[in-house]
């Protein structure tokens, strides 16, 4: 059972991304896209700026579970700044992080728990802020695959940066709409039934 549901603590769902119109619909902003869909689907409050955390925040309940959505506005590499408050460090198990993942094929979803950043600088920043890896992550694959199903992810820092900051192609955006819907469903399952059940929804 996921702790938020078990003791009715508020769950915090954090979507990683970059602020600014130029980053809208880029691969690195999948986390933001998922949270916006989730907010609309569940009728949570409009986004409000939290100057102290440099983040956008929305709140409400999902099936009786108190929920807080957070979009850090500090740019990807400093995402953890929105989670430095003592309440988050004391209860990292109530945090779900949603982010893009180069190590997964485009459109796939994976649930991770207590794992390292695998080079993702936004995830690394959150781990540093919380002082632990013991939180849940919803990883969303963005890397292309060849005809044989092998991941063809970019190599080298410059190539990776160019790739993740590019906008999705029209065909990718069409497919991503379905992926975002599945990601929203996975978040709902995480909140209500826990990590084990959410993993059963995982598919490419």
N, C-alpha and C. Protein backbone atom coordinates (compact mmCIF):
# COMPACT_ATOMS: atom_id res chain seq x y z
N UNK A 1 0.84 -1.19 0.00
CA UNK A 1 0.00 0.00 0.00
C UNK A 1 0.88 1.24 0.00
N UNK A 2 0.57 2.20 -0.86
CA UNK A 2 1.36 3.42 -0.92
C UNK A 2 1.10 4.26 0.32
N UNK A 3 2.12 4.83 0.92
CA UNK A 3 2.01 5.49 2.22
C UNK A 3 0.97 6.60 2.24
N UNK A 4 0.87 7.38 1.18
CA UNK A 4 -0.08 8.49 1.16
C UNK A 4 -1.50 7.98 1.40
N UNK A 5 -1.84 6.89 0.74
CA UNK A 5 -3.18 6.33 0.90
C UNK A 5 -3.36 5.70 2.28
N UNK A 6 -2.30 5.07 2.75
CA UNK A 6 -2.40 4.31 3.99
C UNK A 6 -2.65 5.21 5.20
N UNK A 7 -1.99 6.38 5.24
CA UNK A 7 -2.14 7.25 6.40
C UNK A 7 -2.72 8.61 6.03
N UNK A 8 -3.20 8.73 4.81
CA UNK A 8 -3.83 9.95 4.34
C UNK A 8 -2.90 11.17 4.41
N UNK A 9 -1.62 10.93 4.18
CA UNK A 9 -0.69 12.03 4.02
C UNK A 9 -0.83 12.59 2.61
N UNK A 10 -0.45 13.83 2.45
CA UNK A 10 -0.53 14.42 1.11
C UNK A 10 0.59 13.89 0.23
N UNK A 11 0.25 13.46 -0.96
CA UNK A 11 1.24 13.03 -1.93
C UNK A 11 1.67 14.23 -2.77
N UNK A 12 2.94 14.28 -3.08
CA UNK A 12 3.47 15.34 -3.93
C UNK A 12 3.96 14.71 -5.24
N UNK A 13 3.38 15.15 -6.35
CA UNK A 13 3.78 14.67 -7.67
C UNK A 13 4.53 15.80 -8.37
N UNK A 14 5.76 15.54 -8.75
CA UNK A 14 6.63 16.56 -9.33
C UNK A 14 6.89 16.24 -10.80
N UNK A 15 6.62 17.19 -11.67
CA UNK A 15 6.90 17.01 -13.09
C UNK A 15 8.14 17.80 -13.48
N UNK A 16 9.14 17.13 -14.03
CA UNK A 16 10.36 17.82 -14.43
C UNK A 16 10.23 18.44 -15.81
N UNK A 17 10.87 19.60 -15.97
CA UNK A 17 10.83 20.30 -17.25
C UNK A 17 11.51 21.64 -17.13
N UNK A 18 11.41 22.43 -18.18
CA UNK A 18 11.98 23.77 -18.22
C UNK A 18 10.89 24.80 -18.46
N UNK A 19 10.94 25.95 -17.78
CA UNK A 19 9.94 26.98 -18.00
C UNK A 19 10.21 27.76 -19.28
N UNK A 20 9.16 28.35 -19.84
CA UNK A 20 9.34 29.18 -21.04
C UNK A 20 8.71 28.55 -22.27
N UNK A 21 8.15 29.40 -23.10
CA UNK A 21 7.44 28.95 -24.31
C UNK A 21 8.33 28.13 -25.24
N UNK A 22 9.63 28.48 -25.28
CA UNK A 22 10.53 27.78 -26.19
C UNK A 22 10.72 26.31 -25.84
N UNK A 23 10.37 25.94 -24.61
CA UNK A 23 10.54 24.55 -24.18
C UNK A 23 9.22 23.75 -24.22
N UNK A 24 8.15 24.42 -24.58
CA UNK A 24 6.86 23.72 -24.66
C UNK A 24 6.92 22.61 -25.70
N UNK A 25 6.42 21.44 -25.34
CA UNK A 25 6.38 20.26 -26.22
C UNK A 25 7.76 19.74 -26.60
N UNK A 26 8.77 20.07 -25.80
CA UNK A 26 10.08 19.45 -26.02
C UNK A 26 10.14 18.12 -25.26
N UNK A 27 11.06 17.27 -25.65
CA UNK A 27 11.16 15.94 -25.04
C UNK A 27 11.48 16.03 -23.55
N UNK A 28 12.25 17.05 -23.16
CA UNK A 28 12.64 17.20 -21.76
C UNK A 28 11.48 17.65 -20.88
N UNK A 29 10.37 18.07 -21.49
CA UNK A 29 9.25 18.60 -20.72
C UNK A 29 8.09 17.62 -20.60
N UNK A 30 8.34 16.36 -20.84
CA UNK A 30 7.28 15.36 -20.73
C UNK A 30 6.65 15.36 -19.33
N UNK A 31 7.46 15.54 -18.30
CA UNK A 31 6.94 15.56 -16.94
C UNK A 31 5.90 16.66 -16.76
N UNK A 32 6.17 17.82 -17.31
CA UNK A 32 5.21 18.93 -17.24
C UNK A 32 3.92 18.57 -17.98
N UNK A 33 4.07 17.97 -19.15
CA UNK A 33 2.92 17.62 -19.97
C UNK A 33 2.01 16.61 -19.25
N UNK A 34 2.61 15.65 -18.59
CA UNK A 34 1.83 14.64 -17.86
C UNK A 34 1.06 15.29 -16.71
N UNK A 35 1.73 16.18 -15.96
CA UNK A 35 1.05 16.80 -14.82
C UNK A 35 -0.08 17.73 -15.26
N UNK A 36 0.09 18.42 -16.37
CA UNK A 36 -1.00 19.27 -16.86
C UNK A 36 -2.21 18.43 -17.23
N UNK A 37 -1.97 17.29 -17.88
CA UNK A 37 -3.07 16.37 -18.21
C UNK A 37 -3.72 15.84 -16.93
N UNK A 38 -2.90 15.45 -15.97
CA UNK A 38 -3.41 14.89 -14.71
C UNK A 38 -4.24 15.93 -13.96
N UNK A 39 -3.77 17.17 -13.94
CA UNK A 39 -4.50 18.25 -13.26
C UNK A 39 -5.87 18.45 -13.89
N UNK A 40 -5.91 18.50 -15.21
CA UNK A 40 -7.18 18.70 -15.90
C UNK A 40 -8.13 17.52 -15.71
N UNK A 41 -7.58 16.31 -15.79
CA UNK A 41 -8.39 15.10 -15.67
C UNK A 41 -9.08 15.01 -14.32
N UNK A 42 -8.37 15.40 -13.27
CA UNK A 42 -8.89 15.22 -11.91
C UNK A 42 -9.43 16.52 -11.30
N UNK A 43 -9.53 17.58 -12.10
CA UNK A 43 -10.14 18.81 -11.62
C UNK A 43 -9.42 19.46 -10.46
N UNK A 44 -8.09 19.40 -10.46
CA UNK A 44 -7.31 20.04 -9.40
C UNK A 44 -7.24 21.55 -9.66
N UNK A 45 -6.77 22.30 -8.68
CA UNK A 45 -6.79 23.76 -8.78
C UNK A 45 -5.90 24.27 -9.91
N UNK A 46 -6.16 25.51 -10.32
CA UNK A 46 -5.30 26.16 -11.31
C UNK A 46 -3.89 26.30 -10.75
N UNK A 47 -2.92 26.37 -11.64
CA UNK A 47 -1.54 26.55 -11.20
C UNK A 47 -1.37 27.89 -10.51
N UNK A 48 -0.69 27.89 -9.38
CA UNK A 48 -0.34 29.12 -8.67
C UNK A 48 1.16 29.16 -8.45
N UNK A 49 1.72 30.35 -8.58
CA UNK A 49 3.16 30.50 -8.37
C UNK A 49 3.49 30.47 -6.88
N UNK A 50 4.48 29.69 -6.53
CA UNK A 50 5.01 29.66 -5.17
C UNK A 50 6.41 30.26 -5.26
N UNK A 51 6.52 31.54 -4.91
CA UNK A 51 7.79 32.24 -5.07
C UNK A 51 8.89 31.64 -4.20
N UNK A 52 8.51 31.16 -3.02
CA UNK A 52 9.51 30.60 -2.11
C UNK A 52 10.19 29.39 -2.70
N UNK A 53 9.42 28.57 -3.40
CA UNK A 53 9.98 27.35 -3.99
C UNK A 53 10.33 27.51 -5.47
N UNK A 54 9.99 28.66 -6.05
CA UNK A 54 10.17 28.90 -7.48
C UNK A 54 9.53 27.76 -8.27
N UNK A 55 8.24 27.60 -8.06
CA UNK A 55 7.51 26.50 -8.69
C UNK A 55 6.05 26.88 -8.88
N UNK A 56 5.40 26.16 -9.78
CA UNK A 56 3.96 26.24 -9.93
C UNK A 56 3.35 25.10 -9.14
N UNK A 57 2.25 25.37 -8.44
CA UNK A 57 1.65 24.37 -7.56
C UNK A 57 0.15 24.28 -7.80
N UNK A 58 -0.37 23.06 -7.78
CA UNK A 58 -1.80 22.79 -7.87
C UNK A 58 -2.14 21.76 -6.80
N UNK A 59 -3.32 21.88 -6.19
CA UNK A 59 -3.68 20.96 -5.12
C UNK A 59 -5.10 20.42 -5.30
N UNK A 60 -5.42 19.41 -4.52
CA UNK A 60 -6.76 18.83 -4.55
C UNK A 60 -6.74 17.41 -4.02
N UNK A 61 -7.74 16.63 -4.40
CA UNK A 61 -7.82 15.23 -4.00
C UNK A 61 -8.08 14.36 -5.22
N UNK A 62 -7.50 13.16 -5.19
CA UNK A 62 -7.74 12.15 -6.22
C UNK A 62 -8.22 10.90 -5.51
N UNK A 63 -9.48 10.57 -5.70
CA UNK A 63 -10.08 9.41 -5.02
C UNK A 63 -9.86 9.47 -3.51
N UNK A 64 -9.98 10.66 -2.95
CA UNK A 64 -9.84 10.83 -1.50
C UNK A 64 -8.43 11.02 -1.01
N UNK A 65 -7.44 10.92 -1.90
CA UNK A 65 -6.04 11.10 -1.51
C UNK A 65 -5.64 12.56 -1.72
N UNK A 66 -5.20 13.27 -0.68
CA UNK A 66 -4.73 14.65 -0.86
C UNK A 66 -3.49 14.67 -1.76
N UNK A 67 -3.53 15.56 -2.75
CA UNK A 67 -2.47 15.60 -3.75
C UNK A 67 -1.98 17.03 -3.97
N UNK A 68 -0.67 17.15 -4.15
CA UNK A 68 -0.04 18.41 -4.52
C UNK A 68 0.78 18.16 -5.78
N UNK A 69 0.51 18.94 -6.82
CA UNK A 69 1.31 18.86 -8.04
C UNK A 69 2.32 20.01 -8.04
N UNK A 70 3.55 19.71 -8.43
CA UNK A 70 4.60 20.73 -8.42
C UNK A 70 5.35 20.72 -9.75
N UNK A 71 5.47 21.91 -10.36
CA UNK A 71 6.28 22.10 -11.56
C UNK A 71 7.41 23.07 -11.21
N UNK A 72 8.62 22.57 -10.95
CA UNK A 72 9.74 23.46 -10.65
C UNK A 72 10.01 24.41 -11.83
N UNK A 73 10.25 25.67 -11.53
CA UNK A 73 10.54 26.67 -12.57
C UNK A 73 11.99 27.14 -12.51
N UNK A 74 12.85 26.33 -11.95
CA UNK A 74 14.25 26.69 -11.78
C UNK A 74 15.13 26.15 -12.90
N UNK A 75 14.53 25.62 -13.95
CA UNK A 75 15.22 24.90 -15.03
C UNK A 75 15.67 23.53 -14.52
N UNK A 76 15.78 22.62 -15.45
CA UNK A 76 15.92 21.21 -15.16
C UNK A 76 17.03 20.90 -14.14
N UNK A 77 18.20 21.46 -14.36
CA UNK A 77 19.36 21.06 -13.55
C UNK A 77 19.27 21.46 -12.09
N UNK A 78 18.32 22.34 -11.73
CA UNK A 78 18.15 22.76 -10.34
C UNK A 78 16.75 22.45 -9.84
N UNK A 79 16.14 21.40 -10.38
CA UNK A 79 14.76 21.04 -10.03
C UNK A 79 14.56 20.77 -8.54
N UNK A 80 15.58 20.27 -7.89
CA UNK A 80 15.46 19.91 -6.48
C UNK A 80 15.20 21.08 -5.56
N UNK A 81 15.43 22.31 -6.03
CA UNK A 81 15.22 23.49 -5.19
C UNK A 81 13.78 23.58 -4.70
N UNK A 82 12.84 23.01 -5.45
CA UNK A 82 11.43 23.05 -5.06
C UNK A 82 11.10 22.05 -3.97
N UNK A 83 12.06 21.18 -3.60
CA UNK A 83 11.78 20.11 -2.65
C UNK A 83 12.73 20.10 -1.46
N UNK A 84 13.25 21.27 -1.12
CA UNK A 84 14.22 21.34 -0.02
C UNK A 84 13.57 21.49 1.35
N UNK A 85 12.26 21.73 1.38
CA UNK A 85 11.58 21.92 2.67
C UNK A 85 11.70 20.66 3.52
N UNK A 86 11.68 20.86 4.84
CA UNK A 86 11.85 19.75 5.78
C UNK A 86 10.80 18.68 5.59
N UNK A 87 9.58 19.07 5.20
CA UNK A 87 8.51 18.08 5.05
C UNK A 87 8.82 17.05 3.98
N UNK A 88 9.51 17.47 2.94
CA UNK A 88 9.86 16.54 1.87
C UNK A 88 11.02 15.63 2.27
N UNK A 89 12.01 16.21 2.92
CA UNK A 89 13.15 15.41 3.37
C UNK A 89 12.74 14.39 4.42
N UNK A 90 11.71 14.73 5.22
CA UNK A 90 11.24 13.82 6.26
C UNK A 90 10.40 12.68 5.70
N UNK A 91 9.72 12.93 4.57
CA UNK A 91 8.83 11.92 4.01
C UNK A 91 9.02 11.79 2.49
N UNK A 92 10.21 11.40 2.04
CA UNK A 92 10.44 11.27 0.60
C UNK A 92 9.57 10.20 -0.05
N UNK A 93 9.08 9.26 0.78
CA UNK A 93 8.24 8.19 0.23
C UNK A 93 6.89 8.70 -0.27
N UNK A 94 6.55 9.94 0.05
CA UNK A 94 5.28 10.52 -0.42
C UNK A 94 5.46 11.29 -1.73
N UNK A 95 6.65 11.21 -2.32
CA UNK A 95 6.95 11.96 -3.55
C UNK A 95 6.98 11.03 -4.75
N UNK A 96 6.33 11.47 -5.83
CA UNK A 96 6.39 10.78 -7.12
C UNK A 96 6.98 11.76 -8.12
N UNK A 97 8.07 11.38 -8.76
CA UNK A 97 8.74 12.22 -9.74
C UNK A 97 8.43 11.71 -11.15
N UNK A 98 8.00 12.60 -12.03
CA UNK A 98 7.66 12.23 -13.41
C UNK A 98 8.67 12.89 -14.34
N UNK A 99 9.33 12.09 -15.17
CA UNK A 99 10.37 12.68 -16.02
C UNK A 99 10.63 11.86 -17.28
N UNK A 100 11.29 12.49 -18.24
CA UNK A 100 11.70 11.83 -19.48
C UNK A 100 12.86 10.89 -19.20
N UNK A 101 13.02 9.86 -20.04
CA UNK A 101 14.06 8.86 -19.82
C UNK A 101 14.67 8.42 -21.14
N UNK A 102 15.96 8.74 -21.32
CA UNK A 102 16.67 8.35 -22.54
C UNK A 102 16.95 6.86 -22.60
N UNK A 103 16.99 6.19 -21.47
CA UNK A 103 17.32 4.76 -21.45
C UNK A 103 16.12 3.87 -21.77
N UNK A 104 14.99 4.47 -22.10
CA UNK A 104 13.79 3.71 -22.45
C UNK A 104 13.31 4.09 -23.84
N UNK A 105 12.73 3.13 -24.58
CA UNK A 105 12.21 3.43 -25.92
C UNK A 105 11.02 4.39 -25.86
N UNK A 106 10.87 5.14 -26.91
CA UNK A 106 9.80 6.14 -26.98
C UNK A 106 8.44 5.53 -26.63
N UNK A 107 7.77 6.19 -25.69
CA UNK A 107 6.41 5.79 -25.35
C UNK A 107 6.29 4.76 -24.24
N UNK A 108 7.40 4.21 -23.77
CA UNK A 108 7.32 3.20 -22.70
C UNK A 108 7.26 3.89 -21.34
N UNK A 109 6.66 3.20 -20.39
CA UNK A 109 6.56 3.70 -19.01
C UNK A 109 7.20 2.69 -18.07
N UNK A 110 7.93 3.19 -17.08
CA UNK A 110 8.51 2.33 -16.06
C UNK A 110 8.39 3.01 -14.70
N UNK A 111 8.11 2.22 -13.69
CA UNK A 111 8.09 2.71 -12.32
C UNK A 111 9.43 2.35 -11.67
N UNK A 112 10.08 3.33 -11.05
CA UNK A 112 11.35 3.09 -10.36
C UNK A 112 11.22 3.52 -8.91
N UNK A 113 11.97 2.84 -8.03
CA UNK A 113 11.97 3.16 -6.60
C UNK A 113 13.39 3.01 -6.06
N UNK A 114 13.86 4.05 -5.38
CA UNK A 114 15.15 3.99 -4.70
C UNK A 114 16.29 3.66 -5.67
N UNK A 115 16.28 4.34 -6.82
CA UNK A 115 17.32 4.11 -7.83
C UNK A 115 18.05 5.41 -8.13
N UNK A 116 19.26 5.29 -8.69
CA UNK A 116 20.08 6.44 -9.02
C UNK A 116 19.53 7.21 -10.21
N UNK A 117 20.19 8.31 -10.55
CA UNK A 117 19.70 9.22 -11.58
C UNK A 117 19.98 8.74 -13.01
N UNK A 118 20.93 7.82 -13.18
CA UNK A 118 21.34 7.34 -14.51
C UNK A 118 21.73 8.51 -15.42
N UNK A 119 22.30 9.55 -14.81
CA UNK A 119 22.79 10.68 -15.59
C UNK A 119 21.78 11.78 -15.83
N UNK A 120 20.53 11.58 -15.41
CA UNK A 120 19.51 12.61 -15.61
C UNK A 120 19.75 13.72 -14.57
N UNK A 121 20.08 14.92 -15.05
CA UNK A 121 20.49 15.98 -14.13
C UNK A 121 19.34 16.50 -13.27
N UNK A 122 18.12 16.46 -13.79
CA UNK A 122 16.98 16.87 -12.98
C UNK A 122 16.75 15.91 -11.83
N UNK A 123 16.83 14.62 -12.12
CA UNK A 123 16.68 13.60 -11.08
C UNK A 123 17.81 13.72 -10.06
N UNK A 124 19.01 13.94 -10.57
CA UNK A 124 20.17 14.10 -9.68
C UNK A 124 19.96 15.26 -8.70
N UNK A 125 19.40 16.35 -9.19
CA UNK A 125 19.14 17.52 -8.35
C UNK A 125 18.12 17.20 -7.26
N UNK A 126 17.10 16.44 -7.60
CA UNK A 126 16.08 16.06 -6.62
C UNK A 126 16.68 15.14 -5.55
N UNK A 127 17.49 14.18 -5.97
CA UNK A 127 18.15 13.29 -5.01
C UNK A 127 19.01 14.09 -4.04
N UNK A 128 19.74 15.08 -4.56
CA UNK A 128 20.60 15.91 -3.72
C UNK A 128 19.78 16.72 -2.73
N UNK A 129 18.65 17.24 -3.18
CA UNK A 129 17.80 18.06 -2.31
C UNK A 129 17.17 17.24 -1.20
N UNK A 130 16.74 16.03 -1.52
CA UNK A 130 16.08 15.17 -0.53
C UNK A 130 17.08 14.43 0.35
N UNK A 131 18.29 14.27 -0.15
CA UNK A 131 19.29 13.51 0.59
C UNK A 131 19.04 12.02 0.55
N UNK A 132 18.25 11.56 -0.42
CA UNK A 132 17.92 10.14 -0.54
C UNK A 132 17.38 9.83 -1.94
N UNK A 133 17.43 8.55 -2.29
CA UNK A 133 16.82 8.08 -3.54
C UNK A 133 15.49 7.39 -3.28
N UNK A 134 15.07 7.37 -2.02
CA UNK A 134 13.89 6.57 -1.63
C UNK A 134 12.58 7.28 -1.93
N UNK A 135 12.36 7.55 -3.22
CA UNK A 135 11.09 8.09 -3.67
C UNK A 135 10.74 7.39 -4.99
N UNK A 136 9.50 7.55 -5.39
CA UNK A 136 9.02 6.86 -6.60
C UNK A 136 9.23 7.73 -7.83
N UNK A 137 9.57 7.07 -8.94
CA UNK A 137 9.72 7.79 -10.21
C UNK A 137 8.89 7.12 -11.29
N UNK A 138 8.21 7.93 -12.06
CA UNK A 138 7.53 7.45 -13.27
C UNK A 138 8.38 7.91 -14.45
N UNK A 139 9.06 6.96 -15.08
CA UNK A 139 10.01 7.24 -16.17
C UNK A 139 9.29 7.06 -17.50
N UNK A 140 9.43 8.04 -18.38
CA UNK A 140 8.74 8.02 -19.67
C UNK A 140 9.77 8.02 -20.79
N UNK A 141 9.81 6.93 -21.56
CA UNK A 141 10.81 6.78 -22.61
C UNK A 141 10.65 7.77 -23.74
N UNK A 142 11.78 8.34 -24.18
CA UNK A 142 11.75 9.30 -25.29
C UNK A 142 12.72 8.94 -26.42
N UNK A 143 13.49 7.86 -26.27
CA UNK A 143 14.50 7.52 -27.29
C UNK A 143 13.89 6.75 -28.46
N UNK A 144 14.32 7.06 -29.68
CA UNK A 144 13.83 6.32 -30.85
C UNK A 144 14.36 4.89 -30.86
N UNK A 145 13.70 4.03 -31.59
CA UNK A 145 14.15 2.65 -31.76
C UNK A 145 14.24 2.33 -33.24
N UNK A 146 15.12 1.40 -33.59
CA UNK A 146 15.24 1.01 -35.00
C UNK A 146 14.21 -0.07 -35.33
N UNK A 147 14.25 -0.56 -36.55
CA UNK A 147 13.27 -1.54 -37.01
C UNK A 147 13.29 -2.81 -36.17
N UNK A 148 14.44 -3.10 -35.57
CA UNK A 148 14.57 -4.30 -34.76
C UNK A 148 14.22 -4.09 -33.30
N UNK A 149 13.83 -2.84 -32.96
CA UNK A 149 13.43 -2.54 -31.60
C UNK A 149 14.57 -2.11 -30.69
N UNK A 150 15.76 -1.90 -31.26
CA UNK A 150 16.91 -1.47 -30.46
C UNK A 150 16.86 0.04 -30.24
N UNK A 151 17.10 0.47 -29.01
CA UNK A 151 17.11 1.90 -28.69
C UNK A 151 18.27 2.59 -29.40
N UNK A 152 17.99 3.71 -30.02
CA UNK A 152 19.02 4.51 -30.71
C UNK A 152 19.15 5.85 -30.02
N UNK A 153 19.51 5.82 -28.76
CA UNK A 153 19.58 7.07 -28.00
C UNK A 153 20.83 7.86 -28.40
N UNK A 154 20.76 9.20 -28.26
CA UNK A 154 21.90 10.04 -28.63
C UNK A 154 23.10 9.78 -27.73
N UNK A 155 24.28 10.09 -28.24
CA UNK A 155 25.52 9.87 -27.48
C UNK A 155 26.27 11.19 -27.35
N UNK A 156 26.92 11.40 -26.22
CA UNK A 156 27.69 12.61 -26.00
C UNK A 156 26.82 13.73 -25.47
N UNK A 157 27.42 14.57 -24.63
CA UNK A 157 26.67 15.61 -23.94
C UNK A 157 25.97 16.57 -24.90
N UNK A 158 26.65 17.01 -25.94
CA UNK A 158 26.06 17.97 -26.87
C UNK A 158 24.90 17.36 -27.64
N UNK A 159 25.08 16.14 -28.11
CA UNK A 159 24.01 15.48 -28.87
C UNK A 159 22.80 15.22 -27.97
N UNK A 160 23.06 14.79 -26.74
CA UNK A 160 21.96 14.56 -25.80
C UNK A 160 21.19 15.84 -25.55
N UNK A 161 21.91 16.93 -25.30
CA UNK A 161 21.27 18.22 -25.02
C UNK A 161 20.41 18.67 -26.19
N UNK A 162 20.94 18.55 -27.41
CA UNK A 162 20.15 18.95 -28.60
C UNK A 162 18.90 18.11 -28.71
N UNK A 163 19.04 16.81 -28.47
CA UNK A 163 17.92 15.89 -28.63
C UNK A 163 16.80 16.18 -27.63
N UNK A 164 17.12 16.29 -26.35
CA UNK A 164 16.08 16.44 -25.34
C UNK A 164 15.41 17.81 -25.40
N UNK A 165 16.11 18.81 -25.96
CA UNK A 165 15.53 20.15 -26.03
C UNK A 165 14.80 20.41 -27.34
N UNK A 166 14.76 19.41 -28.22
CA UNK A 166 13.98 19.54 -29.46
C UNK A 166 12.52 19.23 -29.20
N UNK A 167 11.65 19.87 -29.95
CA UNK A 167 10.22 19.59 -29.83
C UNK A 167 9.91 18.24 -30.48
N UNK A 168 8.86 17.59 -29.99
CA UNK A 168 8.41 16.35 -30.60
C UNK A 168 7.98 16.62 -32.04
N UNK A 169 8.22 15.67 -32.90
CA UNK A 169 7.73 15.78 -34.27
C UNK A 169 6.21 15.64 -34.25
N UNK A 170 5.52 16.05 -35.32
CA UNK A 170 4.06 15.90 -35.35
C UNK A 170 3.60 14.47 -35.07
N UNK A 171 4.29 13.48 -35.65
CA UNK A 171 3.88 12.09 -35.43
C UNK A 171 4.15 11.67 -33.99
N UNK A 172 5.26 12.15 -33.42
CA UNK A 172 5.56 11.84 -32.02
C UNK A 172 4.54 12.47 -31.09
N UNK A 173 4.13 13.69 -31.39
CA UNK A 173 3.15 14.37 -30.54
C UNK A 173 1.82 13.62 -30.54
N UNK A 174 1.46 13.07 -31.69
CA UNK A 174 0.23 12.29 -31.78
C UNK A 174 0.32 11.06 -30.90
N UNK A 175 1.44 10.36 -30.97
CA UNK A 175 1.63 9.17 -30.15
C UNK A 175 1.77 9.53 -28.67
N UNK A 176 2.42 10.66 -28.40
CA UNK A 176 2.66 11.05 -27.02
C UNK A 176 1.36 11.37 -26.28
N UNK A 177 0.35 11.80 -27.01
CA UNK A 177 -0.94 12.08 -26.37
C UNK A 177 -1.47 10.82 -25.68
N UNK A 178 -1.31 9.67 -26.32
CA UNK A 178 -1.77 8.41 -25.73
C UNK A 178 -0.86 8.00 -24.57
N UNK A 179 0.44 8.27 -24.72
CA UNK A 179 1.40 7.94 -23.66
C UNK A 179 1.10 8.77 -22.41
N UNK A 180 0.80 10.04 -22.59
CA UNK A 180 0.49 10.92 -21.47
C UNK A 180 -0.77 10.45 -20.75
N UNK A 181 -1.74 9.99 -21.50
CA UNK A 181 -2.96 9.46 -20.88
C UNK A 181 -2.64 8.23 -20.04
N UNK A 182 -1.81 7.32 -20.57
CA UNK A 182 -1.42 6.14 -19.81
C UNK A 182 -0.61 6.51 -18.57
N UNK A 183 0.23 7.53 -18.70
CA UNK A 183 1.02 7.98 -17.56
C UNK A 183 0.10 8.53 -16.47
N UNK A 184 -0.93 9.26 -16.87
CA UNK A 184 -1.89 9.76 -15.89
C UNK A 184 -2.60 8.63 -15.18
N UNK A 185 -2.95 7.58 -15.92
CA UNK A 185 -3.58 6.41 -15.30
C UNK A 185 -2.63 5.74 -14.31
N UNK A 186 -1.35 5.68 -14.67
CA UNK A 186 -0.36 5.06 -13.79
C UNK A 186 -0.21 5.86 -12.50
N UNK A 187 -0.25 7.18 -12.60
CA UNK A 187 -0.18 8.02 -11.41
C UNK A 187 -1.37 7.76 -10.49
N UNK A 188 -2.55 7.65 -11.09
CA UNK A 188 -3.73 7.36 -10.29
C UNK A 188 -3.61 6.04 -9.55
N UNK A 189 -3.05 5.05 -10.22
CA UNK A 189 -2.86 3.74 -9.60
C UNK A 189 -1.83 3.81 -8.48
N UNK A 190 -0.77 4.57 -8.70
CA UNK A 190 0.25 4.74 -7.66
C UNK A 190 -0.36 5.36 -6.41
N UNK A 191 -1.19 6.36 -6.60
CA UNK A 191 -1.79 7.05 -5.45
C UNK A 191 -2.70 6.14 -4.65
N UNK A 192 -3.47 5.33 -5.35
CA UNK A 192 -4.52 4.56 -4.70
C UNK A 192 -4.10 3.16 -4.29
N UNK A 193 -3.31 2.49 -5.14
CA UNK A 193 -3.01 1.08 -4.90
C UNK A 193 -1.54 0.78 -4.63
N UNK A 194 -0.65 1.69 -5.00
CA UNK A 194 0.75 1.49 -4.68
C UNK A 194 1.62 1.10 -5.84
N UNK A 195 2.92 1.00 -5.58
CA UNK A 195 3.91 0.75 -6.62
C UNK A 195 3.72 -0.59 -7.31
N UNK A 196 3.41 -1.62 -6.54
CA UNK A 196 3.29 -2.95 -7.11
C UNK A 196 2.21 -3.03 -8.16
N UNK A 197 1.04 -2.46 -7.84
CA UNK A 197 -0.06 -2.49 -8.80
C UNK A 197 0.23 -1.63 -10.01
N UNK A 198 0.89 -0.48 -9.81
CA UNK A 198 1.18 0.39 -10.92
C UNK A 198 2.10 -0.29 -11.92
N UNK A 199 3.02 -1.12 -11.43
CA UNK A 199 3.94 -1.81 -12.34
C UNK A 199 3.19 -2.72 -13.29
N UNK A 200 2.04 -3.21 -12.87
CA UNK A 200 1.28 -4.10 -13.74
C UNK A 200 0.70 -3.35 -14.95
N UNK A 201 0.62 -2.02 -14.86
CA UNK A 201 0.09 -1.23 -15.96
C UNK A 201 1.19 -0.88 -16.96
N UNK A 202 2.43 -1.22 -16.66
CA UNK A 202 3.58 -0.83 -17.45
C UNK A 202 3.63 -1.60 -18.77
N UNK A 203 3.71 -0.84 -19.85
CA UNK A 203 3.90 -1.47 -21.16
C UNK A 203 4.49 -0.46 -22.10
N UNK A 204 5.15 -0.94 -23.17
CA UNK A 204 5.76 -0.04 -24.13
C UNK A 204 4.72 0.46 -25.11
